[in-house]
């Protein structure tokens, strides 16, 4: 609600982005139809 002050709040109230899944990459192409186990392997590779 106070996003107009996002620059100041980034220092006092930092947020984090939790990534659950990956849908597409330039290297692997579209991943939506592939199984969760395979998508997770791609996601872990990206997070290295």
ModelCIF file with pLDDT and N, C-alpha, C, O atoms, coordinates in Angstrom:
data_MODEL
#
_entry.id   MODEL 
#
_entity.id                         1 
_entity.type                       polymer 
_entity.pdbx_number_of_molecules   1 
#
_entity_poly.entity_id                      1 
_entity_poly.type                           'polypeptide(L)' 
_entity_poly.nstd_linkage                   no 
_entity_poly.nstd_monomer                   no 
_entity_poly.pdbx_seq_one_letter_code       
;(UNK)(UNK)(UNK)(UNK)(UNK)(UNK)(UNK)(UNK)(UNK)(UNK)(UNK)(UNK)(UNK)(UNK)(UNK)(UNK)
(UNK)(UNK)(UNK)(UNK)(UNK)(UNK)(UNK)(UNK)(UNK)(UNK)(UNK)(UNK)(UNK)(UNK)(UNK)(UNK)
(UNK)(UNK)(UNK)(UNK)(UNK)(UNK)(UNK)(UNK)(UNK)(UNK)(UNK)(UNK)(UNK)(UNK)(UNK)(UNK)
;
_entity_poly.pdbx_seq_one_letter_code_can   XXXXXXXXXXXXXXXXXXXXXXXXXXXXXXXXXXXXXXXXXXXXXXXX 
_entity_poly.pdbx_strand_id                 A 
#
loop_
_entity_poly_seq.entity_id 
_entity_poly_seq.num 
_entity_poly_seq.mon_id 
_entity_poly_seq.hetero 
1 1  UNK n 
1 2  UNK n 
1 3  UNK n 
1 4  UNK n 
1 5  UNK n 
1 6  UNK n 
1 7  UNK n 
1 8  UNK n 
1 9  UNK n 
1 10 UNK n 
1 11 UNK n 
1 12 UNK n 
1 13 UNK n 
1 14 UNK n 
1 15 UNK n 
1 16 UNK n 
1 17 UNK n 
1 18 UNK n 
1 19 UNK n 
1 20 UNK n 
1 21 UNK n 
1 22 UNK n 
1 23 UNK n 
1 24 UNK n 
1 25 UNK n 
1 26 UNK n 
1 27 UNK n 
1 28 UNK n 
1 29 UNK n 
1 30 UNK n 
1 31 UNK n 
1 32 UNK n 
1 33 UNK n 
1 34 UNK n 
1 35 UNK n 
1 36 UNK n 
1 37 UNK n 
1 38 UNK n 
1 39 UNK n 
1 40 UNK n 
1 41 UNK n 
1 42 UNK n 
1 43 UNK n 
1 44 UNK n 
1 45 UNK n 
1 46 UNK n 
1 47 UNK n 
1 48 UNK n 
#
_struct_asym.id          A 
_struct_asym.entity_id   1 
#
loop_
_ma_qa_metric.id 
_ma_qa_metric.mode 
_ma_qa_metric.name 
_ma_qa_metric.software_group_id 
_ma_qa_metric.type 
1 global pLDDT . pLDDT 
2 local  pLDDT . pLDDT 
#
_ma_qa_metric_global.metric_id      1 
_ma_qa_metric_global.metric_value   89.96 
_ma_qa_metric_global.model_id       1 
_ma_qa_metric_global.ordinal_id     1 
#
loop_
_ma_qa_metric_local.label_asym_id 
_ma_qa_metric_local.label_comp_id 
_ma_qa_metric_local.label_seq_id 
_ma_qa_metric_local.metric_id 
_ma_qa_metric_local.metric_value 
_ma_qa_metric_local.model_id 
_ma_qa_metric_local.ordinal_id 
A UNK 1  2 83.00 1 1  
A UNK 2  2 81.00 1 2  
A UNK 3  2 77.00 1 3  
A UNK 4  2 80.00 1 4  
A UNK 5  2 80.00 1 5  
A UNK 6  2 76.00 1 6  
A UNK 7  2 77.00 1 7  
A UNK 8  2 79.00 1 8  
A UNK 9  2 77.00 1 9  
A UNK 10 2 78.00 1 10 
A UNK 11 2 76.00 1 11 
A UNK 12 2 78.00 1 12 
A UNK 13 2 79.00 1 13 
A UNK 14 2 83.00 1 14 
A UNK 15 2 86.00 1 15 
A UNK 16 2 87.00 1 16 
A UNK 17 2 90.00 1 17 
A UNK 18 2 92.00 1 18 
A UNK 19 2 93.00 1 19 
A UNK 20 2 93.00 1 20 
A UNK 21 2 95.00 1 21 
A UNK 22 2 96.00 1 22 
A UNK 23 2 96.00 1 23 
A UNK 24 2 96.00 1 24 
A UNK 25 2 96.00 1 25 
A UNK 26 2 95.00 1 26 
A UNK 27 2 95.00 1 27 
A UNK 28 2 95.00 1 28 
A UNK 29 2 96.00 1 29 
A UNK 30 2 96.00 1 30 
A UNK 31 2 97.00 1 31 
A UNK 32 2 95.00 1 32 
A UNK 33 2 94.00 1 33 
A UNK 34 2 96.00 1 34 
A UNK 35 2 95.00 1 35 
A UNK 36 2 94.00 1 36 
A UNK 37 2 95.00 1 37 
A UNK 38 2 96.00 1 38 
A UNK 39 2 96.00 1 39 
A UNK 40 2 96.00 1 40 
A UNK 41 2 96.00 1 41 
A UNK 42 2 97.00 1 42 
A UNK 43 2 96.00 1 43 
A UNK 44 2 96.00 1 44 
A UNK 45 2 96.00 1 45 
A UNK 46 2 95.00 1 46 
A UNK 47 2 94.00 1 47 
A UNK 48 2 93.00 1 48 
#
loop_
_atom_site.group_PDB 
_atom_site.id 
_atom_site.type_symbol 
_atom_site.label_atom_id 
_atom_site.label_alt_id 
_atom_site.label_comp_id 
_atom_site.label_asym_id 
_atom_site.label_entity_id 
_atom_site.label_seq_id 
_atom_site.pdbx_PDB_ins_code 
_atom_site.Cartn_x 
_atom_site.Cartn_y 
_atom_site.Cartn_z 
_atom_site.occupancy 
_atom_site.B_iso_or_equiv 
_atom_site.pdbx_formal_charge 
_atom_site.auth_seq_id 
_atom_site.auth_comp_id 
_atom_site.auth_asym_id 
_atom_site.auth_atom_id 
_atom_site.pdbx_PDB_model_num 
ATOM 1   N N  . UNK A 1 1  ? 0.825  -1.203  0.000   1.00 83.00 ? 1  UNK A N  1 
ATOM 2   C CA . UNK A 1 1  ? 0.000  0.000   0.000   1.00 83.00 ? 1  UNK A CA 1 
ATOM 3   C C  . UNK A 1 1  ? 0.867  1.264   0.000   1.00 83.00 ? 1  UNK A C  1 
ATOM 4   O O  . UNK A 1 1  ? 0.413  2.331   -0.415  1.00 83.00 ? 1  UNK A O  1 
ATOM 5   N N  . UNK A 1 2  ? 2.110  1.143   0.465   1.00 81.00 ? 2  UNK A N  1 
ATOM 6   C CA . UNK A 1 2  ? 3.036  2.280   0.490   1.00 81.00 ? 2  UNK A CA 1 
ATOM 7   C C  . UNK A 1 2  ? 4.087  2.176   -0.621  1.00 81.00 ? 2  UNK A C  1 
ATOM 8   O O  . UNK A 1 2  ? 5.200  2.681   -0.472  1.00 81.00 ? 2  UNK A O  1 
ATOM 9   N N  . UNK A 1 3  ? 3.732  1.523   -1.732  1.00 77.00 ? 3  UNK A N  1 
ATOM 10  C CA . UNK A 1 3  ? 4.712  1.231   -2.773  1.00 77.00 ? 3  UNK A CA 1 
ATOM 11  C C  . UNK A 1 3  ? 5.288  2.484   -3.432  1.00 77.00 ? 3  UNK A C  1 
ATOM 12  O O  . UNK A 1 3  ? 6.314  2.405   -4.109  1.00 77.00 ? 3  UNK A O  1 
ATOM 13  N N  . UNK A 1 4  ? 4.649  3.632   -3.245  1.00 80.00 ? 4  UNK A N  1 
ATOM 14  C CA . UNK A 1 4  ? 5.223  4.864   -3.771  1.00 80.00 ? 4  UNK A CA 1 
ATOM 15  C C  . UNK A 1 4  ? 6.555  5.184   -3.102  1.00 80.00 ? 4  UNK A C  1 
ATOM 16  O O  . UNK A 1 4  ? 7.376  5.927   -3.641  1.00 80.00 ? 4  UNK A O  1 
ATOM 17  N N  . UNK A 1 5  ? 6.755  4.607   -1.912  1.00 80.00 ? 5  UNK A N  1 
ATOM 18  C CA . UNK A 1 5  ? 8.003  4.824   -1.171  1.00 80.00 ? 5  UNK A CA 1 
ATOM 19  C C  . UNK A 1 5  ? 8.869  3.565   -1.216  1.00 80.00 ? 5  UNK A C  1 
ATOM 20  O O  . UNK A 1 5  ? 9.598  3.270   -0.269  1.00 80.00 ? 5  UNK A O  1 
ATOM 21  N N  . UNK A 1 6  ? 8.783  2.831   -2.318  1.00 76.00 ? 6  UNK A N  1 
ATOM 22  C CA . UNK A 1 6  ? 9.464  1.540   -2.418  1.00 76.00 ? 6  UNK A CA 1 
ATOM 23  C C  . UNK A 1 6  ? 10.965 1.660   -2.208  1.00 76.00 ? 6  UNK A C  1 
ATOM 24  O O  . UNK A 1 6  ? 11.573 0.775   -1.606  1.00 76.00 ? 6  UNK A O  1 
ATOM 25  N N  . UNK A 1 7  ? 11.577 2.740   -2.695  1.00 77.00 ? 7  UNK A N  1 
ATOM 26  C CA . UNK A 1 7  ? 13.021 2.884   -2.572  1.00 77.00 ? 7  UNK A CA 1 
ATOM 27  C C  . UNK A 1 7  ? 13.436 2.955   -1.100  1.00 77.00 ? 7  UNK A C  1 
ATOM 28  O O  . UNK A 1 7  ? 14.402 2.309   -0.693  1.00 77.00 ? 7  UNK A O  1 
ATOM 29  N N  . UNK A 1 8  ? 12.706 3.740   -0.305  1.00 79.00 ? 8  UNK A N  1 
ATOM 30  C CA . UNK A 1 8  ? 13.030 3.840   1.114   1.00 79.00 ? 8  UNK A CA 1 
ATOM 31  C C  . UNK A 1 8  ? 12.705 2.542   1.858   1.00 79.00 ? 8  UNK A C  1 
ATOM 32  O O  . UNK A 1 8  ? 13.464 2.112   2.727   1.00 79.00 ? 8  UNK A O  1 
ATOM 33  N N  . UNK A 1 9  ? 11.566 1.919   1.511   1.00 77.00 ? 9  UNK A N  1 
ATOM 34  C CA . UNK A 1 9  ? 11.145 0.707   2.204   1.00 77.00 ? 9  UNK A CA 1 
ATOM 35  C C  . UNK A 1 9  ? 12.057 -0.469  1.895   1.00 77.00 ? 9  UNK A C  1 
ATOM 36  O O  . UNK A 1 9  ? 12.137 -1.408  2.687   1.00 77.00 ? 9  UNK A O  1 
ATOM 37  N N  . UNK A 1 10 ? 12.743 -0.437  0.764   1.00 78.00 ? 10 UNK A N  1 
ATOM 38  C CA . UNK A 1 10 ? 13.657 -1.525  0.430   1.00 78.00 ? 10 UNK A CA 1 
ATOM 39  C C  . UNK A 1 10 ? 14.748 -1.668  1.481   1.00 78.00 ? 10 UNK A C  1 
ATOM 40  O O  . UNK A 1 10 ? 15.284 -2.757  1.682   1.00 78.00 ? 10 UNK A O  1 
ATOM 41  N N  . UNK A 1 11 ? 15.078 -0.558  2.157   1.00 76.00 ? 11 UNK A N  1 
ATOM 42  C CA . UNK A 1 11 ? 16.087 -0.612  3.203   1.00 76.00 ? 11 UNK A CA 1 
ATOM 43  C C  . UNK A 1 11 ? 15.536 -0.975  4.561   1.00 76.00 ? 11 UNK A C  1 
ATOM 44  O O  . UNK A 1 11 ? 16.210 -1.649  5.340   1.00 76.00 ? 11 UNK A O  1 
ATOM 45  N N  . UNK A 1 12 ? 14.311 -0.538  4.863   1.00 78.00 ? 12 UNK A N  1 
ATOM 46  C CA . UNK A 1 12 ? 13.737 -0.760  6.190   1.00 78.00 ? 12 UNK A CA 1 
ATOM 47  C C  . UNK A 1 12 ? 12.848 -1.996  6.259   1.00 78.00 ? 12 UNK A C  1 
ATOM 48  O O  . UNK A 1 12 ? 12.744 -2.620  7.314   1.00 78.00 ? 12 UNK A O  1 
ATOM 49  N N  . UNK A 1 13 ? 12.202 -2.359  5.146   1.00 79.00 ? 13 UNK A N  1 
ATOM 50  C CA . UNK A 1 13 ? 11.320 -3.527  5.094   1.00 79.00 ? 13 UNK A CA 1 
ATOM 51  C C  . UNK A 1 13 ? 11.617 -4.334  3.832   1.00 79.00 ? 13 UNK A C  1 
ATOM 52  O O  . UNK A 1 13 ? 10.778 -4.389  2.933   1.00 79.00 ? 13 UNK A O  1 
ATOM 53  N N  . UNK A 1 14 ? 12.783 -4.958  3.746   1.00 83.00 ? 14 UNK A N  1 
ATOM 54  C CA . UNK A 1 14 ? 13.135 -5.689  2.529   1.00 83.00 ? 14 UNK A CA 1 
ATOM 55  C C  . UNK A 1 14 ? 12.239 -6.904  2.304   1.00 83.00 ? 14 UNK A C  1 
ATOM 56  O O  . UNK A 1 14 ? 11.811 -7.558  3.255   1.00 83.00 ? 14 UNK A O  1 
ATOM 57  N N  . UNK A 1 15 ? 11.967 -7.192  1.053   1.00 86.00 ? 15 UNK A N  1 
ATOM 58  C CA . UNK A 1 15 ? 11.169 -8.358  0.686   1.00 86.00 ? 15 UNK A CA 1 
ATOM 59  C C  . UNK A 1 15 ? 12.057 -9.342  -0.065  1.00 86.00 ? 15 UNK A C  1 
ATOM 60  O O  . UNK A 1 15 ? 13.130 -8.986  -0.553  1.00 86.00 ? 15 UNK A O  1 
ATOM 61  N N  . UNK A 1 16 ? 11.593 -10.583 -0.149  1.00 87.00 ? 16 UNK A N  1 
ATOM 62  C CA . UNK A 1 16 ? 12.312 -11.625 -0.865  1.00 87.00 ? 16 UNK A CA 1 
ATOM 63  C C  . UNK A 1 16 ? 11.374 -12.283 -1.862  1.00 87.00 ? 16 UNK A C  1 
ATOM 64  O O  . UNK A 1 16 ? 10.153 -12.255 -1.710  1.00 87.00 ? 16 UNK A O  1 
ATOM 65  N N  . UNK A 1 17 ? 11.973 -12.873 -2.883  1.00 90.00 ? 17 UNK A N  1 
ATOM 66  C CA . UNK A 1 17 ? 11.219 -13.561 -3.917  1.00 90.00 ? 17 UNK A CA 1 
ATOM 67  C C  . UNK A 1 17 ? 11.504 -15.057 -3.797  1.00 90.00 ? 17 UNK A C  1 
ATOM 68  O O  . UNK A 1 17 ? 12.623 -15.504 -4.045  1.00 90.00 ? 17 UNK A O  1 
ATOM 69  N N  . UNK A 1 18 ? 10.485 -15.824 -3.416  1.00 92.00 ? 18 UNK A N  1 
ATOM 70  C CA . UNK A 1 18 ? 10.617 -17.277 -3.318  1.00 92.00 ? 18 UNK A CA 1 
ATOM 71  C C  . UNK A 1 18 ? 10.149 -17.873 -4.641  1.00 92.00 ? 18 UNK A C  1 
ATOM 72  O O  . UNK A 1 18 ? 9.010  -17.648 -5.051  1.00 92.00 ? 18 UNK A O  1 
ATOM 73  N N  . UNK A 1 19 ? 11.013 -18.628 -5.311  1.00 93.00 ? 19 UNK A N  1 
ATOM 74  C CA . UNK A 1 19 ? 10.703 -19.179 -6.627  1.00 93.00 ? 19 UNK A CA 1 
ATOM 75  C C  . UNK A 1 19 ? 10.320 -20.645 -6.474  1.00 93.00 ? 19 UNK A C  1 
ATOM 76  O O  . UNK A 1 19 ? 11.106 -21.444 -5.965  1.00 93.00 ? 19 UNK A O  1 
ATOM 77  N N  . UNK A 1 20 ? 9.118  -21.000 -6.912  1.00 93.00 ? 20 UNK A N  1 
ATOM 78  C CA . UNK A 1 20 ? 8.577  -22.342 -6.758  1.00 93.00 ? 20 UNK A CA 1 
ATOM 79  C C  . UNK A 1 20 ? 8.770  -23.212 -8.003  1.00 93.00 ? 20 UNK A C  1 
ATOM 80  O O  . UNK A 1 20 ? 8.940  -24.427 -7.895  1.00 93.00 ? 20 UNK A O  1 
ATOM 81  N N  . UNK A 1 21 ? 8.742  -22.588 -9.183  1.00 95.00 ? 21 UNK A N  1 
ATOM 82  C CA . UNK A 1 21 ? 8.716  -23.392 -10.399 1.00 95.00 ? 21 UNK A CA 1 
ATOM 83  C C  . UNK A 1 21 ? 9.294  -22.578 -11.549 1.00 95.00 ? 21 UNK A C  1 
ATOM 84  O O  . UNK A 1 21 ? 9.414  -21.356 -11.461 1.00 95.00 ? 21 UNK A O  1 
ATOM 85  N N  . UNK A 1 22 ? 9.650  -23.264 -12.624 1.00 96.00 ? 22 UNK A N  1 
ATOM 86  C CA . UNK A 1 22 ? 10.115 -22.615 -13.839 1.00 96.00 ? 22 UNK A CA 1 
ATOM 87  C C  . UNK A 1 22 ? 9.265  -23.106 -14.997 1.00 96.00 ? 22 UNK A C  1 
ATOM 88  O O  . UNK A 1 22 ? 9.003  -24.301 -15.127 1.00 96.00 ? 22 UNK A O  1 
ATOM 89  N N  . UNK A 1 23 ? 8.838  -22.175 -15.835 1.00 96.00 ? 23 UNK A N  1 
ATOM 90  C CA . UNK A 1 23 ? 7.920  -22.485 -16.924 1.00 96.00 ? 23 UNK A CA 1 
ATOM 91  C C  . UNK A 1 23 ? 8.606  -22.509 -18.281 1.00 96.00 ? 23 UNK A C  1 
ATOM 92  O O  . UNK A 1 23 ? 8.163  -23.200 -19.199 1.00 96.00 ? 23 UNK A O  1 
ATOM 93  N N  . UNK A 1 24 ? 9.701  -21.742 -18.404 1.00 96.00 ? 24 UNK A N  1 
ATOM 94  C CA . UNK A 1 24 ? 10.355 -21.649 -19.700 1.00 96.00 ? 24 UNK A CA 1 
ATOM 95  C C  . UNK A 1 24 ? 11.745 -21.056 -19.532 1.00 96.00 ? 24 UNK A C  1 
ATOM 96  O O  . UNK A 1 24 ? 11.957 -20.181 -18.692 1.00 96.00 ? 24 UNK A O  1 
ATOM 97  N N  . UNK A 1 25 ? 12.696 -21.536 -20.338 1.00 96.00 ? 25 UNK A N  1 
ATOM 98  C CA . UNK A 1 25 ? 14.017 -20.915 -20.434 1.00 96.00 ? 25 UNK A CA 1 
ATOM 99  C C  . UNK A 1 25 ? 14.424 -20.905 -21.905 1.00 96.00 ? 25 UNK A C  1 
ATOM 100 O O  . UNK A 1 25 ? 13.904 -21.673 -22.713 1.00 96.00 ? 25 UNK A O  1 
ATOM 101 N N  . UNK A 1 26 ? 15.364 -20.020 -22.234 1.00 95.00 ? 26 UNK A N  1 
ATOM 102 C CA . UNK A 1 26 ? 15.847 -19.972 -23.609 1.00 95.00 ? 26 UNK A CA 1 
ATOM 103 C C  . UNK A 1 26 ? 16.576 -21.260 -23.977 1.00 95.00 ? 26 UNK A C  1 
ATOM 104 O O  . UNK A 1 26 ? 16.520 -21.696 -25.127 1.00 95.00 ? 26 UNK A O  1 
ATOM 105 N N  . UNK A 1 27 ? 17.256 -21.869 -23.018 1.00 95.00 ? 27 UNK A N  1 
ATOM 106 C CA . UNK A 1 27 ? 18.017 -23.090 -23.279 1.00 95.00 ? 27 UNK A CA 1 
ATOM 107 C C  . UNK A 1 27 ? 17.122 -24.314 -23.409 1.00 95.00 ? 27 UNK A C  1 
ATOM 108 O O  . UNK A 1 27 ? 17.344 -25.160 -24.275 1.00 95.00 ? 27 UNK A O  1 
ATOM 109 N N  . UNK A 1 28 ? 16.091 -24.412 -22.535 1.00 95.00 ? 28 UNK A N  1 
ATOM 110 C CA . UNK A 1 28 ? 15.275 -25.630 -22.468 1.00 95.00 ? 28 UNK A CA 1 
ATOM 111 C C  . UNK A 1 28 ? 13.957 -25.511 -23.219 1.00 95.00 ? 28 UNK A C  1 
ATOM 112 O O  . UNK A 1 28 ? 13.292 -26.519 -23.461 1.00 95.00 ? 28 UNK A O  1 
ATOM 113 N N  . UNK A 1 29 ? 13.573 -24.301 -23.588 1.00 96.00 ? 29 UNK A N  1 
ATOM 114 C CA . UNK A 1 29 ? 12.294 -24.107 -24.250 1.00 96.00 ? 29 UNK A CA 1 
ATOM 115 C C  . UNK A 1 29 ? 11.148 -24.141 -23.253 1.00 96.00 ? 29 UNK A C  1 
ATOM 116 O O  . UNK A 1 29 ? 11.350 -23.936 -22.056 1.00 96.00 ? 29 UNK A O  1 
ATOM 117 N N  . UNK A 1 30 ? 9.947  -24.399 -23.750 1.00 96.00 ? 30 UNK A N  1 
ATOM 118 C CA . UNK A 1 30 ? 8.756  -24.454 -22.905 1.00 96.00 ? 30 UNK A CA 1 
ATOM 119 C C  . UNK A 1 30 ? 8.809  -25.685 -22.010 1.00 96.00 ? 30 UNK A C  1 
ATOM 120 O O  . UNK A 1 30 ? 9.107  -26.787 -22.471 1.00 96.00 ? 30 UNK A O  1 
ATOM 121 N N  . UNK A 1 31 ? 8.516  -25.487 -20.718 1.00 97.00 ? 31 UNK A N  1 
ATOM 122 C CA . UNK A 1 31 ? 8.627  -26.568 -19.731 1.00 97.00 ? 31 UNK A CA 1 
ATOM 123 C C  . UNK A 1 31 ? 7.293  -26.936 -19.101 1.00 97.00 ? 31 UNK A C  1 
ATOM 124 O O  . UNK A 1 31 ? 7.228  -27.861 -18.290 1.00 97.00 ? 31 UNK A O  1 
ATOM 125 N N  . UNK A 1 32 ? 6.232  -26.231 -19.459 1.00 95.00 ? 32 UNK A N  1 
ATOM 126 C CA . UNK A 1 32 ? 4.954  -26.440 -18.770 1.00 95.00 ? 32 UNK A CA 1 
ATOM 127 C C  . UNK A 1 32 ? 4.448  -27.878 -18.882 1.00 95.00 ? 32 UNK A C  1 
ATOM 128 O O  . UNK A 1 32 ? 3.836  -28.386 -17.943 1.00 95.00 ? 32 UNK A O  1 
ATOM 129 N N  . UNK A 1 33 ? 4.689  -28.530 -19.994 1.00 94.00 ? 33 UNK A N  1 
ATOM 130 C CA . UNK A 1 33 ? 4.176  -29.885 -20.193 1.00 94.00 ? 33 UNK A CA 1 
ATOM 131 C C  . UNK A 1 33 ? 5.109  -30.963 -19.619 1.00 94.00 ? 33 UNK A C  1 
ATOM 132 O O  . UNK A 1 33 ? 4.754  -32.141 -19.577 1.00 94.00 ? 33 UNK A O  1 
ATOM 133 N N  . UNK A 1 34 ? 6.278  -30.555 -19.189 1.00 96.00 ? 34 UNK A N  1 
ATOM 134 C CA . UNK A 1 34 ? 7.205  -31.526 -18.614 1.00 96.00 ? 34 UNK A CA 1 
ATOM 135 C C  . UNK A 1 34 ? 6.880  -31.736 -17.142 1.00 96.00 ? 34 UNK A C  1 
ATOM 136 O O  . UNK A 1 34 ? 6.226  -30.897 -16.521 1.00 96.00 ? 34 UNK A O  1 
ATOM 137 N N  . UNK A 1 35 ? 7.335  -32.854 -16.583 1.00 95.00 ? 35 UNK A N  1 
ATOM 138 C CA . UNK A 1 35 ? 7.013  -33.191 -15.205 1.00 95.00 ? 35 UNK A CA 1 
ATOM 139 C C  . UNK A 1 35 ? 7.699  -32.290 -14.193 1.00 95.00 ? 35 UNK A C  1 
ATOM 140 O O  . UNK A 1 35 ? 8.715  -31.660 -14.489 1.00 95.00 ? 35 UNK A O  1 
ATOM 141 N N  . UNK A 1 36 ? 7.135  -32.237 -13.007 1.00 94.00 ? 36 UNK A N  1 
ATOM 142 C CA . UNK A 1 36 ? 7.671  -31.400 -11.936 1.00 94.00 ? 36 UNK A CA 1 
ATOM 143 C C  . UNK A 1 36 ? 9.127  -31.739 -11.639 1.00 94.00 ? 36 UNK A C  1 
ATOM 144 O O  . UNK A 1 36 ? 9.944  -30.839 -11.440 1.00 94.00 ? 36 UNK A O  1 
ATOM 145 N N  . UNK A 1 37 ? 9.459  -33.029 -11.608 1.00 95.00 ? 37 UNK A N  1 
ATOM 146 C CA . UNK A 1 37 ? 10.838 -33.428 -11.300 1.00 95.00 ? 37 UNK A CA 1 
ATOM 147 C C  . UNK A 1 37 ? 11.821 -32.828 -12.304 1.00 95.00 ? 37 UNK A C  1 
ATOM 148 O O  . UNK A 1 37 ? 12.892 -32.358 -11.922 1.00 95.00 ? 37 UNK A O  1 
ATOM 149 N N  . UNK A 1 38 ? 11.456 -32.846 -13.580 1.00 96.00 ? 38 UNK A N  1 
ATOM 150 C CA . UNK A 1 38 ? 12.340 -32.298 -14.609 1.00 96.00 ? 38 UNK A CA 1 
ATOM 151 C C  . UNK A 1 38 ? 12.422 -30.779 -14.497 1.00 96.00 ? 38 UNK A C  1 
ATOM 152 O O  . UNK A 1 38 ? 13.501 -30.206 -14.647 1.00 96.00 ? 38 UNK A O  1 
ATOM 153 N N  . UNK A 1 39 ? 11.305 -30.128 -14.237 1.00 96.00 ? 39 UNK A N  1 
ATOM 154 C CA . UNK A 1 39 ? 11.318 -28.669 -14.094 1.00 96.00 ? 39 UNK A CA 1 
ATOM 155 C C  . UNK A 1 39 ? 12.146 -28.258 -12.880 1.00 96.00 ? 39 UNK A C  1 
ATOM 156 O O  . UNK A 1 39 ? 12.846 -27.246 -12.913 1.00 96.00 ? 39 UNK A O  1 
ATOM 157 N N  . UNK A 1 40 ? 12.063 -29.048 -11.808 1.00 96.00 ? 40 UNK A N  1 
ATOM 158 C CA . UNK A 1 40 ? 12.834 -28.733 -10.611 1.00 96.00 ? 40 UNK A CA 1 
ATOM 159 C C  . UNK A 1 40 ? 14.333 -28.824 -10.888 1.00 96.00 ? 40 UNK A C  1 
ATOM 160 O O  . UNK A 1 40 ? 15.103 -28.001 -10.392 1.00 96.00 ? 40 UNK A O  1 
ATOM 161 N N  . UNK A 1 41 ? 14.752 -29.813 -11.673 1.00 96.00 ? 41 UNK A N  1 
ATOM 162 C CA . UNK A 1 41 ? 16.171 -29.948 -12.013 1.00 96.00 ? 41 UNK A CA 1 
ATOM 163 C C  . UNK A 1 41 ? 16.654 -28.715 -12.777 1.00 96.00 ? 41 UNK A C  1 
ATOM 164 O O  . UNK A 1 41 ? 17.760 -28.229 -12.542 1.00 96.00 ? 41 UNK A O  1 
ATOM 165 N N  . UNK A 1 42 ? 15.820 -28.212 -13.694 1.00 97.00 ? 42 UNK A N  1 
ATOM 166 C CA . UNK A 1 42 ? 16.175 -26.998 -14.429 1.00 97.00 ? 42 UNK A CA 1 
ATOM 167 C C  . UNK A 1 42 ? 16.265 -25.817 -13.474 1.00 97.00 ? 42 UNK A C  1 
ATOM 168 O O  . UNK A 1 42 ? 17.190 -25.010 -13.573 1.00 97.00 ? 42 UNK A O  1 
ATOM 169 N N  . UNK A 1 43 ? 15.320 -25.706 -12.555 1.00 96.00 ? 43 UNK A N  1 
ATOM 170 C CA . UNK A 1 43 ? 15.306 -24.586 -11.618 1.00 96.00 ? 43 UNK A CA 1 
ATOM 171 C C  . UNK A 1 43 ? 16.537 -24.612 -10.712 1.00 96.00 ? 43 UNK A C  1 
ATOM 172 O O  . UNK A 1 43 ? 17.139 -23.569 -10.457 1.00 96.00 ? 43 UNK A O  1 
ATOM 173 N N  . UNK A 1 44 ? 16.912 -25.785 -10.227 1.00 96.00 ? 44 UNK A N  1 
ATOM 174 C CA . UNK A 1 44 ? 18.102 -25.887 -9.387  1.00 96.00 ? 44 UNK A CA 1 
ATOM 175 C C  . UNK A 1 44 ? 19.357 -25.532 -10.171 1.00 96.00 ? 44 UNK A C  1 
ATOM 176 O O  . UNK A 1 44 ? 20.298 -24.961 -9.620  1.00 96.00 ? 44 UNK A O  1 
ATOM 177 N N  . UNK A 1 45 ? 19.373 -25.867 -11.445 1.00 96.00 ? 45 UNK A N  1 
ATOM 178 C CA . UNK A 1 45 ? 20.515 -25.485 -12.281 1.00 96.00 ? 45 UNK A CA 1 
ATOM 179 C C  . UNK A 1 45 ? 20.605 -23.964 -12.398 1.00 96.00 ? 45 UNK A C  1 
ATOM 180 O O  . UNK A 1 45 ? 21.698 -23.402 -12.320 1.00 96.00 ? 45 UNK A O  1 
ATOM 181 N N  . UNK A 1 46 ? 19.478 -23.301 -12.583 1.00 95.00 ? 46 UNK A N  1 
ATOM 182 C CA . UNK A 1 46 ? 19.482 -21.849 -12.685 1.00 95.00 ? 46 UNK A CA 1 
ATOM 183 C C  . UNK A 1 46 ? 19.969 -21.197 -11.397 1.00 95.00 ? 46 UNK A C  1 
ATOM 184 O O  . UNK A 1 46 ? 20.647 -20.171 -11.437 1.00 95.00 ? 46 UNK A O  1 
ATOM 185 N N  . UNK A 1 47 ? 19.627 -21.788 -10.259 1.00 94.00 ? 47 UNK A N  1 
ATOM 186 C CA . UNK A 1 47 ? 19.960 -21.165 -8.976  1.00 94.00 ? 47 UNK A CA 1 
ATOM 187 C C  . UNK A 1 47 ? 21.408 -21.412 -8.549  1.00 94.00 ? 47 UNK A C  1 
ATOM 188 O O  . UNK A 1 47 ? 21.840 -20.877 -7.528  1.00 94.00 ? 47 UNK A O  1 
ATOM 189 N N  . UNK A 1 48 ? 22.151 -22.192 -9.289  1.00 93.00 ? 48 UNK A N  1 
ATOM 190 C CA . UNK A 1 48 ? 23.569 -22.370 -8.960  1.00 93.00 ? 48 UNK A CA 1 
ATOM 191 C C  . UNK A 1 48 ? 24.346 -21.064 -9.091  1.00 93.00 ? 48 UNK A C  1 
ATOM 192 O O  . UNK A 1 48 ? 25.553 -21.037 -8.851  1.00 93.00 ? 48 UNK A O  1 
#
